[in-house]
């Protein structure tokens, strides 16, 4: 149900820019083989939220 999760996360991000939403959407994109988009999203999220543990941990989990 990755497409459904992606839709909900993208919609949520239009309403609230939140690092956990960004981290989760990146996960969905990554497992959907949209890895460049996931990396770009995480990198952008880390610029906006550099101290966000969910962002840092999620990116590290996928990009050690």
N, C-alpha and C. Protein backbone atom coordinates (compact mmCIF):
# COMPACT_ATOMS: atom_id res chain seq x y z
N UNK A 1 0.82 -1.19 0.00
CA UNK A 1 0.00 0.00 0.00
C UNK A 1 0.87 1.25 0.00
N UNK A 2 1.97 1.16 -0.72
CA UNK A 2 2.90 2.28 -0.77
C UNK A 2 2.29 3.50 -1.45
N UNK A 3 1.50 3.27 -2.49
CA UNK A 3 0.89 4.40 -3.20
C UNK A 3 -0.06 5.17 -2.28
N UNK A 4 -0.81 4.43 -1.49
CA UNK A 4 -1.73 5.09 -0.56
C UNK A 4 -0.97 5.87 0.51
N UNK A 5 0.08 5.25 1.05
CA UNK A 5 0.90 5.94 2.05
C UNK A 5 1.53 7.19 1.47
N UNK A 6 2.03 7.07 0.25
CA UNK A 6 2.65 8.22 -0.41
C UNK A 6 1.64 9.36 -0.58
N UNK A 7 0.44 9.02 -1.02
CA UNK A 7 -0.59 10.05 -1.21
C UNK A 7 -0.91 10.77 0.08
N UNK A 8 -1.10 10.00 1.16
CA UNK A 8 -1.41 10.62 2.45
C UNK A 8 -0.26 11.49 2.95
N UNK A 9 0.96 11.01 2.81
CA UNK A 9 2.11 11.78 3.28
C UNK A 9 2.30 13.05 2.47
N UNK A 10 2.15 12.95 1.15
CA UNK A 10 2.27 14.15 0.32
C UNK A 10 1.19 15.17 0.66
N UNK A 11 -0.03 14.69 0.87
CA UNK A 11 -1.12 15.59 1.26
C UNK A 11 -0.82 16.24 2.61
N UNK A 12 -0.37 15.45 3.55
CA UNK A 12 -0.06 15.99 4.88
C UNK A 12 1.03 17.06 4.80
N UNK A 13 2.01 16.84 3.95
CA UNK A 13 3.10 17.82 3.82
C UNK A 13 2.65 19.13 3.19
N UNK A 14 1.55 19.10 2.44
CA UNK A 14 1.03 20.36 1.91
C UNK A 14 0.39 21.19 3.02
N UNK A 15 -0.01 20.52 4.09
CA UNK A 15 -0.67 21.19 5.21
C UNK A 15 0.31 21.55 6.33
N UNK A 16 1.34 20.74 6.49
CA UNK A 16 2.26 20.91 7.63
C UNK A 16 3.64 20.40 7.23
N UNK A 17 4.61 21.28 7.24
CA UNK A 17 5.98 20.86 6.96
C UNK A 17 6.59 20.34 8.26
N UNK A 18 6.70 19.03 8.33
CA UNK A 18 7.12 18.37 9.56
C UNK A 18 8.24 17.39 9.24
N UNK A 19 9.31 17.37 10.02
CA UNK A 19 10.42 16.48 9.70
C UNK A 19 10.07 15.00 9.74
N UNK A 20 9.15 14.61 10.60
CA UNK A 20 8.76 13.19 10.63
C UNK A 20 8.01 12.80 9.37
N UNK A 21 7.16 13.69 8.87
CA UNK A 21 6.46 13.42 7.62
C UNK A 21 7.46 13.31 6.47
N UNK A 22 8.43 14.20 6.45
CA UNK A 22 9.46 14.17 5.42
C UNK A 22 10.24 12.86 5.49
N UNK A 23 10.62 12.47 6.69
CA UNK A 23 11.37 11.22 6.87
C UNK A 23 10.57 10.03 6.37
N UNK A 24 9.29 9.97 6.72
CA UNK A 24 8.46 8.84 6.31
C UNK A 24 8.21 8.83 4.81
N UNK A 25 7.97 9.99 4.23
CA UNK A 25 7.78 10.04 2.78
C UNK A 25 9.06 9.60 2.07
N UNK A 26 10.19 9.99 2.59
CA UNK A 26 11.46 9.53 2.02
C UNK A 26 11.58 8.02 2.07
N UNK A 27 11.14 7.42 3.17
CA UNK A 27 11.16 5.95 3.27
C UNK A 27 10.29 5.32 2.20
N UNK A 28 9.10 5.85 2.01
CA UNK A 28 8.18 5.33 1.01
C UNK A 28 8.80 5.46 -0.39
N UNK A 29 9.38 6.61 -0.66
CA UNK A 29 10.01 6.81 -1.96
C UNK A 29 11.18 5.84 -2.15
N UNK A 30 11.97 5.64 -1.11
CA UNK A 30 13.13 4.76 -1.19
C UNK A 30 12.71 3.33 -1.54
N UNK A 31 11.74 2.80 -0.82
CA UNK A 31 11.32 1.42 -1.08
C UNK A 31 10.53 1.29 -2.37
N UNK A 32 10.09 2.43 -2.93
CA UNK A 32 9.41 2.45 -4.23
C UNK A 32 10.41 2.66 -5.37
N UNK A 33 11.69 2.54 -5.06
CA UNK A 33 12.77 2.72 -6.04
C UNK A 33 12.84 4.13 -6.62
N UNK A 34 12.43 5.10 -5.85
CA UNK A 34 12.60 6.50 -6.22
C UNK A 34 13.67 7.09 -5.30
N UNK A 35 14.83 6.48 -5.38
CA UNK A 35 15.88 6.79 -4.42
C UNK A 35 16.45 8.18 -4.57
N UNK A 36 16.59 8.66 -5.78
CA UNK A 36 17.11 10.02 -5.96
C UNK A 36 16.16 11.04 -5.36
N UNK A 37 14.87 10.82 -5.55
CA UNK A 37 13.88 11.73 -4.97
C UNK A 37 13.89 11.65 -3.45
N UNK A 38 14.04 10.43 -2.92
CA UNK A 38 14.11 10.26 -1.47
C UNK A 38 15.31 11.01 -0.89
N UNK A 39 16.47 10.84 -1.53
CA UNK A 39 17.68 11.52 -1.05
C UNK A 39 17.52 13.04 -1.11
N UNK A 40 16.95 13.53 -2.20
CA UNK A 40 16.74 14.97 -2.34
C UNK A 40 15.79 15.48 -1.25
N UNK A 41 14.75 14.71 -0.96
CA UNK A 41 13.79 15.10 0.07
C UNK A 41 14.46 15.12 1.44
N UNK A 42 15.21 14.07 1.76
CA UNK A 42 15.91 14.02 3.05
C UNK A 42 16.92 15.15 3.17
N UNK A 43 17.70 15.37 2.10
CA UNK A 43 18.69 16.44 2.14
C UNK A 43 18.04 17.80 2.37
N UNK A 44 16.95 18.04 1.67
CA UNK A 44 16.22 19.29 1.84
C UNK A 44 15.65 19.39 3.25
N UNK A 45 15.11 18.28 3.74
CA UNK A 45 14.57 18.26 5.10
C UNK A 45 15.63 18.55 6.15
N UNK A 46 16.83 18.03 5.92
CA UNK A 46 17.91 18.27 6.89
C UNK A 46 18.41 19.71 6.84
N UNK A 47 18.24 20.37 5.72
CA UNK A 47 18.58 21.80 5.66
C UNK A 47 17.58 22.59 6.51
N UNK A 48 16.30 22.24 6.38
CA UNK A 48 15.26 22.96 7.12
C UNK A 48 15.20 22.56 8.60
N UNK A 49 15.51 21.29 8.87
CA UNK A 49 15.42 20.76 10.24
C UNK A 49 16.72 20.01 10.58
N UNK A 50 17.84 20.72 10.72
CA UNK A 50 19.13 20.05 10.90
C UNK A 50 19.27 19.23 12.18
N UNK A 51 18.47 19.51 13.18
CA UNK A 51 18.58 18.80 14.45
C UNK A 51 17.51 17.73 14.63
N UNK A 52 16.75 17.45 13.59
CA UNK A 52 15.65 16.50 13.70
C UNK A 52 16.18 15.07 13.77
N UNK A 53 15.98 14.44 14.91
CA UNK A 53 16.44 13.06 15.06
C UNK A 53 15.74 12.09 14.10
N UNK A 54 14.43 12.21 13.87
CA UNK A 54 13.81 11.32 12.89
C UNK A 54 14.44 11.45 11.50
N UNK A 55 14.76 12.67 11.09
CA UNK A 55 15.39 12.88 9.79
C UNK A 55 16.79 12.27 9.76
N UNK A 56 17.56 12.55 10.77
CA UNK A 56 18.95 12.06 10.85
C UNK A 56 18.97 10.54 10.88
N UNK A 57 18.14 9.95 11.73
CA UNK A 57 18.13 8.50 11.89
C UNK A 57 17.61 7.79 10.65
N UNK A 58 16.58 8.34 10.04
CA UNK A 58 16.01 7.71 8.84
C UNK A 58 17.03 7.73 7.70
N UNK A 59 17.62 8.86 7.46
CA UNK A 59 18.61 8.94 6.37
C UNK A 59 19.79 8.03 6.64
N UNK A 60 20.24 7.97 7.87
CA UNK A 60 21.37 7.11 8.23
C UNK A 60 21.02 5.63 8.04
N UNK A 61 19.78 5.28 8.31
CA UNK A 61 19.35 3.89 8.16
C UNK A 61 19.42 3.44 6.70
N UNK A 62 19.11 4.35 5.79
CA UNK A 62 19.10 4.00 4.38
C UNK A 62 20.41 4.35 3.68
N UNK A 63 21.15 5.29 4.23
CA UNK A 63 22.42 5.73 3.64
C UNK A 63 23.50 5.74 4.71
N UNK A 64 24.00 4.57 5.10
CA UNK A 64 25.00 4.52 6.18
C UNK A 64 26.31 5.19 5.81
